[in-house]
Amino acid sequence: MNKKSWLRWRCRRGIREMDIVLQTFLEQCYDTLSDIDKQSFTALLDETDLDIMNWMMGKDEPENNALKKMIFLIQQSRQLN
């Protein structure tokens, strides 16, 4: 299994809306990310569904600056679609 296939599998969450948001970002934006941002995306997938959802909805924000940036990038990509 290649890296992107593995990430696609990891984007599958317990919440359907999160599946769609994360998988769409993976397909549309991942290849253009810097190596550091790719690492941040992978780290984001280690977080709980509830945390990711709260961050995406702006109810809370991660303490880690790299994760803050990744949430911002995902939110920006959603506005462009």
PDB file of N, CA and C in Angstrom:
ATOM      1  N   MET A   1       0.858  -1.176   0.000  1.00  0.00           N
ATOM      2  CA  MET A   1       0.000   0.000   0.000  1.00  0.00           C
ATOM      3  C   MET A   1       0.905   1.241   0.000  1.00  0.00           C
ATOM      4  N   ASN A   2       0.659   2.161  -0.930  1.00  0.00           N
ATOM      5  CA  ASN A   2       1.475   3.369  -0.977  1.00  0.00           C
ATOM      6  C   ASN A   2       0.997   4.374   0.070  1.00  0.00           C
ATOM      7  N   LYS A   3       1.775   5.421   0.254  1.00  0.00           N
ATOM      8  CA  LYS A   3       1.515   6.410   1.306  1.00  0.00           C
ATOM      9  C   LYS A   3       0.133   7.056   1.157  1.00  0.00           C
ATOM     10  N   LYS A   4      -0.223   7.435  -0.056  1.00  0.00           N
ATOM     11  CA  LYS A   4      -1.503   8.117  -0.247  1.00  0.00           C
ATOM     12  C   LYS A   4      -2.678   7.161   0.013  1.00  0.00           C
ATOM     13  N   SER A   5      -2.543   5.920  -0.377  1.00  0.00           N
ATOM     14  CA  SER A   5      -3.596   4.934  -0.095  1.00  0.00           C
ATOM     15  C   SER A   5      -3.749   4.741   1.409  1.00  0.00           C
ATOM     16  N   TRP A   6      -2.614   4.698   2.098  1.00  0.00           N
ATOM     17  CA  TRP A   6      -2.633   4.552   3.552  1.00  0.00           C
ATOM     18  C   TRP A   6      -3.310   5.761   4.199  1.00  0.00           C
ATOM     19  N   LEU A   7      -2.988   6.959   3.707  1.00  0.00           N
ATOM     20  CA  LEU A   7      -3.625   8.167   4.231  1.00  0.00           C
ATOM     21  C   LEU A   7      -5.118   8.183   3.928  1.00  0.00           C
ATOM     22  N   ARG A   8      -5.494   7.742   2.738  1.00  0.00           N
ATOM     23  CA  ARG A   8      -6.914   7.678   2.378  1.00  0.00           C
ATOM     24  C   ARG A   8      -7.658   6.796   3.377  1.00  0.00           C
ATOM     25  N   TRP A   9      -7.057   5.690   3.741  1.00  0.00           N
ATOM     26  CA  TRP A   9      -7.661   4.786   4.731  1.00  0.00           C
ATOM     27  C   TRP A   9      -7.772   5.487   6.084  1.00  0.00           C
ATOM     28  N   ARG A  10      -6.734   6.215   6.468  1.00  0.00           N
ATOM     29  CA  ARG A  10      -6.722   6.905   7.762  1.00  0.00           C
ATOM     30  C   ARG A  10      -7.706   8.067   7.800  1.00  0.00           C
ATOM     31  N   CYS A  11      -8.075   8.608   6.652  1.00  0.00           N
ATOM     32  CA  CYS A  11      -9.069   9.686   6.585  1.00  0.00           C
ATOM     33  C   CYS A  11     -10.468   9.180   6.898  1.00  0.00           C
ATOM     34  N   ARG A  12     -10.645   7.898   6.893  1.00  0.00           N
ATOM     35  CA  ARG A  12     -11.952   7.336   7.228  1.00  0.00           C
ATOM     36  C   ARG A  12     -12.151   7.460   8.727  1.00  0.00           C
ATOM     37  N   ARG A  13     -13.120   8.242   9.112  1.00  0.00           N
ATOM     38  CA  ARG A  13     -13.360   8.549  10.514  1.00  0.00           C
ATOM     39  C   ARG A  13     -14.712   7.985  10.928  1.00  0.00           C
ATOM     40  N   GLY A  14     -15.090   8.233  12.151  1.00  0.00           N
ATOM     41  CA  GLY A  14     -16.388   7.779  12.637  1.00  0.00           C
ATOM     42  C   GLY A  14     -17.524   8.704  12.252  1.00  0.00           C
ATOM     43  N   ILE A  15     -17.180   9.843  11.674  1.00  0.00           N
ATOM     44  CA  ILE A  15     -18.175  10.848  11.306  1.00  0.00           C
ATOM     45  C   ILE A  15     -18.092  11.063   9.793  1.00  0.00           C
ATOM     46  N   ARG A  16     -19.168  10.801   9.096  1.00  0.00           N
ATOM     47  CA  ARG A  16     -19.180  10.839   7.628  1.00  0.00           C
ATOM     48  C   ARG A  16     -18.717  12.191   7.069  1.00  0.00           C
ATOM     49  N   GLU A  17     -19.157  13.263   7.692  1.00  0.00           N
ATOM     50  CA  GLU A  17     -18.758  14.587   7.223  1.00  0.00           C
ATOM     51  C   GLU A  17     -17.245  14.773   7.294  1.00  0.00           C
ATOM     52  N   MET A  18     -16.635  14.232   8.343  1.00  0.00           N
ATOM     53  CA  MET A  18     -15.175  14.313   8.474  1.00  0.00           C
ATOM     54  C   MET A  18     -14.494  13.485   7.387  1.00  0.00           C
ATOM     55  N   ASP A  19     -15.058  12.331   7.069  1.00  0.00           N
ATOM     56  CA  ASP A  19     -14.524  11.517   5.965  1.00  0.00           C
ATOM     57  C   ASP A  19     -14.450  12.355   4.691  1.00  0.00           C
ATOM     58  N   ILE A  20     -15.537  13.018   4.388  1.00  0.00           N
ATOM     59  CA  ILE A  20     -15.629  13.793   3.148  1.00  0.00           C
ATOM     60  C   ILE A  20     -14.625  14.938   3.141  1.00  0.00           C
ATOM     61  N   VAL A  21     -14.569  15.697   4.223  1.00  0.00           N
ATOM     62  CA  VAL A  21     -13.661  16.849   4.298  1.00  0.00           C
ATOM     63  C   VAL A  21     -12.208  16.396   4.173  1.00  0.00           C
ATOM     64  N   LEU A  22     -11.814  15.406   4.945  1.00  0.00           N
ATOM     65  CA  LEU A  22     -10.420  14.966   4.946  1.00  0.00           C
ATOM     66  C   LEU A  22     -10.034  14.283   3.637  1.00  0.00           C
ATOM     67  N   GLN A  23     -10.902  13.440   3.108  1.00  0.00           N
ATOM     68  CA  GLN A  23     -10.591  12.754   1.854  1.00  0.00           C
ATOM     69  C   GLN A  23     -10.544  13.727   0.684  1.00  0.00           C
ATOM     70  N   THR A  24     -11.426  14.716   0.673  1.00  0.00           N
ATOM     71  CA  THR A  24     -11.408  15.723  -0.391  1.00  0.00           C
ATOM     72  C   THR A  24     -10.110  16.519  -0.335  1.00  0.00           C
ATOM     73  N   PHE A  25      -9.700  16.920   0.868  1.00  0.00           N
ATOM     74  CA  PHE A  25      -8.434  17.645   1.010  1.00  0.00           C
ATOM     75  C   PHE A  25      -7.269  16.783   0.539  1.00  0.00           C
ATOM     76  N   LEU A  26      -7.275  15.529   0.919  1.00  0.00           N
ATOM     77  CA  LEU A  26      -6.210  14.605   0.507  1.00  0.00           C
ATOM     78  C   LEU A  26      -6.131  14.534  -1.013  1.00  0.00           C
ATOM     79  N   GLU A  27      -7.259  14.371  -1.658  1.00  0.00           N
ATOM     80  CA  GLU A  27      -7.271  14.209  -3.117  1.00  0.00           C
ATOM     81  C   GLU A  27      -6.937  15.501  -3.857  1.00  0.00           C
ATOM     82  N   GLN A  28      -7.398  16.629  -3.342  1.00  0.00           N
ATOM     83  CA  GLN A  28      -7.248  17.886  -4.078  1.00  0.00           C
ATOM     84  C   GLN A  28      -6.005  18.689  -3.706  1.00  0.00           C
ATOM     85  N   CYS A  29      -5.488  18.523  -2.499  1.00  0.00           N
ATOM     86  CA  CYS A  29      -4.432  19.431  -2.031  1.00  0.00           C
ATOM     87  C   CYS A  29      -3.157  18.759  -1.551  1.00  0.00           C
ATOM     88  N   TYR A  30      -3.235  17.523  -1.125  1.00  0.00           N
ATOM     89  CA  TYR A  30      -2.097  16.874  -0.472  1.00  0.00           C
ATOM     90  C   TYR A  30      -0.822  16.918  -1.319  1.00  0.00           C
ATOM     91  N   ASP A  31      -0.936  16.634  -2.593  1.00  0.00           N
ATOM     92  CA  ASP A  31       0.250  16.556  -3.451  1.00  0.00           C
ATOM     93  C   ASP A  31       0.987  17.893  -3.564  1.00  0.00           C
ATOM     94  N   THR A  32       0.311  18.996  -3.315  1.00  0.00           N
ATOM     95  CA  THR A  32       0.946  20.313  -3.432  1.00  0.00           C
ATOM     96  C   THR A  32       1.533  20.805  -2.102  1.00  0.00           C
ATOM     97  N   LEU A  33       1.324  20.070  -1.022  1.00  0.00           N
ATOM     98  CA  LEU A  33       1.826  20.478   0.290  1.00  0.00           C
ATOM     99  C   LEU A  33       3.336  20.304   0.381  1.00  0.00           C
ATOM    100  N   SER A  34       3.950  21.109   1.237  1.00  0.00           N
ATOM    101  CA  SER A  34       5.369  20.912   1.546  1.00  0.00           C
ATOM    102  C   SER A  34       5.519  19.620   2.363  1.00  0.00           C
ATOM    103  N   ASP A  35       6.718  19.133   2.465  1.00  0.00           N
ATOM    104  CA  ASP A  35       6.952  17.916   3.256  1.00  0.00           C
ATOM    105  C   ASP A  35       6.542  18.119   4.714  1.00  0.00           C
ATOM    106  N   ILE A  36       6.811  19.297   5.243  1.00  0.00           N
ATOM    107  CA  ILE A  36       6.431  19.588   6.635  1.00  0.00           C
ATOM    108  C   ILE A  36       4.913  19.577   6.785  1.00  0.00           C
ATOM    109  N   ASP A  37       4.202  20.182   5.830  1.00  0.00           N
ATOM    110  CA  ASP A  37       2.739  20.184   5.890  1.00  0.00           C
ATOM    111  C   ASP A  37       2.170  18.778   5.697  1.00  0.00           C
ATOM    112  N   LYS A  38       2.820  17.962   4.883  1.00  0.00           N
ATOM    113  CA  LYS A  38       2.384  16.567   4.738  1.00  0.00           C
ATOM    114  C   LYS A  38       2.518  15.838   6.068  1.00  0.00           C
ATOM    115  N   GLN A  39       3.594  16.107   6.796  1.00  0.00           N
ATOM    116  CA  GLN A  39       3.772  15.504   8.118  1.00  0.00           C
ATOM    117  C   GLN A  39       2.686  15.994   9.078  1.00  0.00           C
ATOM    118  N   SER A  40       2.334  17.266   8.967  1.00  0.00           N
ATOM    119  CA  SER A  40       1.282  17.825   9.823  1.00  0.00           C
ATOM    120  C   SER A  40      -0.072  17.189   9.522  1.00  0.00           C
ATOM    121  N   PHE A  41      -0.351  16.951   8.248  1.00  0.00           N
ATOM    122  CA  PHE A  41      -1.607  16.298   7.881  1.00  0.00           C
ATOM    123  C   PHE A  41      -1.657  14.892   8.479  1.00  0.00           C
ATOM    124  N   THR A  42      -0.553  14.180   8.383  1.00  0.00           N
ATOM    125  CA  THR A  42      -0.477  12.839   8.967  1.00  0.00           C
ATOM    126  C   THR A  42      -0.682  12.905  10.477  1.00  0.00           C
ATOM    127  N   ALA A  43      -0.049  13.892  11.136  1.00  0.00           N
ATOM    128  CA  ALA A  43      -0.210  14.059  12.581  1.00  0.00           C
ATOM    129  C   ALA A  43      -1.655  14.401  12.940  1.00  0.00           C
ATOM    130  N   LEU A  44      -2.305  15.200  12.096  1.00  0.00           N
ATOM    131  CA  LEU A  44      -3.707  15.544  12.340  1.00  0.00           C
ATOM    132  C   LEU A  44      -4.569  14.285  12.398  1.00  0.00           C
ATOM    133  N   LEU A  45      -4.262  13.331  11.557  1.00  0.00           N
ATOM    134  CA  LEU A  45      -5.049  12.099  11.512  1.00  0.00           C
ATOM    135  C   LEU A  45      -4.882  11.241  12.766  1.00  0.00           C
ATOM    136  N   ASP A  46      -3.880  11.565  13.590  1.00  0.00           N
ATOM    137  CA  ASP A  46      -3.694  10.870  14.866  1.00  0.00           C
ATOM    138  C   ASP A  46      -4.603  11.429  15.959  1.00  0.00           C
ATOM    139  N   GLU A  47      -5.200  12.575  15.703  1.00  0.00           N
ATOM    140  CA  GLU A  47      -6.060  13.221  16.692  1.00  0.00           C
ATOM    141  C   GLU A  47      -7.453  12.579  16.699  1.00  0.00           C
ATOM    142  N   THR A  48      -8.197  12.836  17.762  1.00  0.00           N
ATOM    143  CA  THR A  48      -9.535  12.258  17.868  1.00  0.00           C
ATOM    144  C   THR A  48     -10.510  12.970  16.926  1.00  0.00           C
ATOM    145  N   ASP A  49     -11.537  12.259  16.536  1.00  0.00           N
ATOM    146  CA  ASP A  49     -12.565  12.830  15.664  1.00  0.00           C
ATOM    147  C   ASP A  49     -13.181  14.081  16.277  1.00  0.00           C
ATOM    148  N   LEU A  50     -13.479  14.017  17.558  1.00  0.00           N
ATOM    149  CA  LEU A  50     -14.126  15.141  18.227  1.00  0.00           C
ATOM    150  C   LEU A  50     -13.226  16.376  18.212  1.00  0.00           C
ATOM    151  N   ASP A  51     -11.933  16.196  18.472  1.00  0.00           N
ATOM    152  CA  ASP A  51     -11.013  17.334  18.428  1.00  0.00           C
ATOM    153  C   ASP A  51     -10.956  17.936  17.029  1.00  0.00           C
ATOM    154  N   ILE A  52     -10.785  17.092  16.028  1.00  0.00           N
ATOM    155  CA  ILE A  52     -10.697  17.586  14.653  1.00  0.00           C
ATOM    156  C   ILE A  52     -11.971  18.332  14.275  1.00  0.00           C
ATOM    157  N   MET A  53     -13.106  17.763  14.615  1.00  0.00           N
ATOM    158  CA  MET A  53     -14.379  18.389  14.276  1.00  0.00           C
ATOM    159  C   MET A  53     -14.514  19.748  14.977  1.00  0.00           C
ATOM    160  N   ASN A  54     -14.177  19.813  16.252  1.00  0.00           N
ATOM    161  CA  ASN A  54     -14.254  21.087  16.984  1.00  0.00           C
ATOM    162  C   ASN A  54     -13.309  22.122  16.394  1.00  0.00           C
ATOM    163  N   TRP A  55     -12.122  21.711  15.985  1.00  0.00           N
ATOM    164  CA  TRP A  55     -11.169  22.631  15.366  1.00  0.00           C
ATOM    165  C   TRP A  55     -11.708  23.134  14.031  1.00  0.00           C
ATOM    166  N   MET A  56     -12.277  22.241  13.237  1.00  0.00           N
ATOM    167  CA  MET A  56     -12.807  22.624  11.932  1.00  0.00           C
ATOM    168  C   MET A  56     -13.985  23.580  12.062  1.00  0.00           C
ATOM    169  N   MET A  57     -14.770  23.404  13.099  1.00  0.00           N
ATOM    170  CA  MET A  57     -15.944  24.247  13.309  1.00  0.00           C
ATOM    171  C   MET A  57     -15.599  25.538  14.052  1.00  0.00           C
ATOM    172  N   GLY A  58     -14.337  25.680  14.465  1.00  0.00           N
ATOM    173  CA  GLY A  58     -13.919  26.883  15.163  1.00  0.00           C
ATOM    174  C   GLY A  58     -14.333  26.943  16.620  1.00  0.00           C
ATOM    175  N   LYS A  59     -14.744  25.815  17.175  1.00  0.00           N
ATOM    176  CA  LYS A  59     -15.148  25.778  18.584  1.00  0.00           C
ATOM    177  C   LYS A  59     -13.936  25.726  19.510  1.00  0.00           C
ATOM    178  N   ASP A  60     -12.818  25.325  18.978  1.00  0.00           N
ATOM    179  CA  ASP A  60     -11.576  25.193  19.737  1.00  0.00           C
ATOM    180  C   ASP A  60     -10.443  25.245  18.725  1.00  0.00           C
ATOM    181  N   GLU A  61      -9.218  25.256  19.199  1.00  0.00           N
ATOM    182  CA  GLU A  61      -8.085  25.199  18.281  1.00  0.00           C
ATOM    183  C   GLU A  61      -6.974  24.366  18.904  1.00  0.00           C
ATOM    184  N   PRO A  62      -6.197  23.712  18.066  1.00  0.00           N
ATOM    185  CA  PRO A  62      -5.100  22.899  18.602  1.00  0.00           C
ATOM    186  C   PRO A  62      -4.025  23.789  19.213  1.00  0.00           C
ATOM    187  N   GLU A  63      -3.330  23.259  20.194  1.00  0.00           N
ATOM    188  CA  GLU A  63      -2.216  23.998  20.794  1.00  0.00           C
ATOM    189  C   GLU A  63      -1.004  23.998  19.861  1.00  0.00           C
ATOM    190  N   ASN A  64      -0.864  22.957  19.080  1.00  0.00           N
ATOM    191  CA  ASN A  64       0.272  22.794  18.176  1.00  0.00           C
ATOM    192  C   ASN A  64       0.096  23.705  16.958  1.00  0.00           C
ATOM    193  N   ASN A  65       1.090  24.561  16.703  1.00  0.00           N
ATOM    194  CA  ASN A  65       0.993  25.516  15.589  1.00  0.00           C
ATOM    195  C   ASN A  65       0.919  24.835  14.227  1.00  0.00           C
ATOM    196  N   ALA A  66       1.604  23.715  14.066  1.00  0.00           N
ATOM    197  CA  ALA A  66       1.555  22.997  12.787  1.00  0.00           C
ATOM    198  C   ALA A  66       0.135  22.477  12.531  1.00  0.00           C
ATOM    199  N   LEU A  67      -0.532  22.006  13.579  1.00  0.00           N
ATOM    200  CA  LEU A  67      -1.912  21.540  13.415  1.00  0.00           C
ATOM    201  C   LEU A  67      -2.855  22.713  13.165  1.00  0.00           C
ATOM    202  N   LYS A  68      -2.597  23.857  13.805  1.00  0.00           N
ATOM    203  CA  LYS A  68      -3.397  25.056  13.535  1.00  0.00           C
ATOM    204  C   LYS A  68      -3.313  25.415  12.053  1.00  0.00           C
ATOM    205  N   LYS A  69      -2.097  25.384  11.522  1.00  0.00           N
ATOM    206  CA  LYS A  69      -1.909  25.704  10.112  1.00  0.00           C
ATOM    207  C   LYS A  69      -2.650  24.710   9.226  1.00  0.00           C
ATOM    208  N   MET A  70      -2.581  23.431   9.574  1.00  0.00           N
ATOM    209  CA  MET A  70      -3.240  22.412   8.755  1.00  0.00           C
ATOM    210  C   MET A  70      -4.754  22.606   8.773  1.00  0.00           C
ATOM    211  N   ILE A  71      -5.317  22.888   9.926  1.00  0.00           N
ATOM    212  CA  ILE A  71      -6.758  23.158  10.011  1.00  0.00           C
ATOM    213  C   ILE A  71      -7.104  24.351   9.124  1.00  0.00           C
ATOM    214  N   PHE A  72      -6.297  25.398   9.189  1.00  0.00           N
ATOM    215  CA  PHE A  72      -6.515  26.583   8.350  1.00  0.00           C
ATOM    216  C   PHE A  72      -6.479  26.204   6.869  1.00  0.00           C
ATOM    217  N   LEU A  73      -5.487  25.418   6.468  1.00  0.00           N
ATOM    218  CA  LEU A  73      -5.375  25.010   5.059  1.00  0.00           C
ATOM    219  C   LEU A  73      -6.598  24.207   4.614  1.00  0.00           C
ATOM    220  N   ILE A  74      -7.060  23.327   5.458  1.00  0.00           N
ATOM    221  CA  ILE A  74      -8.237  22.514   5.111  1.00  0.00           C
ATOM    222  C   ILE A  74      -9.464  23.416   5.016  1.00  0.00           C
ATOM    223  N   GLN A  75      -9.623  24.333   5.957  1.00  0.00           N
ATOM    224  CA  GLN A  75     -10.759  25.260   5.910  1.00  0.00           C
ATOM    225  C   GLN A  75     -10.703  26.126   4.650  1.00  0.00           C
ATOM    226  N   GLN A  76      -9.522  26.604   4.292  1.00  0.00           N
ATOM    227  CA  GLN A  76      -9.363  27.412   3.089  1.00  0.00           C
ATOM    228  C   GLN A  76      -9.718  26.601   1.839  1.00  0.00           C
ATOM    229  N   SER A  77      -9.301  25.378   1.792  1.00  0.00           N
ATOM    230  CA  SER A  77      -9.583  24.548   0.607  1.00  0.00           C
ATOM    231  C   SER A  77     -11.078  24.319   0.457  1.00  0.00           C
ATOM    232  N   ARG A  78     -11.802  24.249   1.557  1.00  0.00           N
ATOM    233  CA  ARG A  78     -13.251  24.055   1.505  1.00  0.00           C
ATOM    234  C   ARG A  78     -13.943  25.295   0.964  1.00  0.00           C
ATOM    235  N   GLN A  79     -13.398  26.469   1.244  1.00  0.00           N
ATOM    236  CA  GLN A  79     -14.005  27.715   0.762  1.00  0.00           C
ATOM    237  C   GLN A  79     -13.803  27.886  -0.734  1.00  0.00           C
ATOM    238  N   LEU A  80     -12.753  27.282  -1.270  1.00  0.00           N
ATOM    239  CA  LEU A  80     -12.472  27.400  -2.697  1.00  0.00           C
ATOM    240  C   LEU A  80     -13.351  26.468  -3.529  1.00  0.00           C
ATOM    241  N   ASN A  81     -13.917  25.468  -2.912  1.00  0.00           N
ATOM    242  CA  ASN A  81     -14.740  24.496  -3.649  1.00  0.00           C
ATOM    243  C   ASN A  81     -16.184  24.896  -3.691  1.00  0.00           C
TER     244      ASN A  81
END
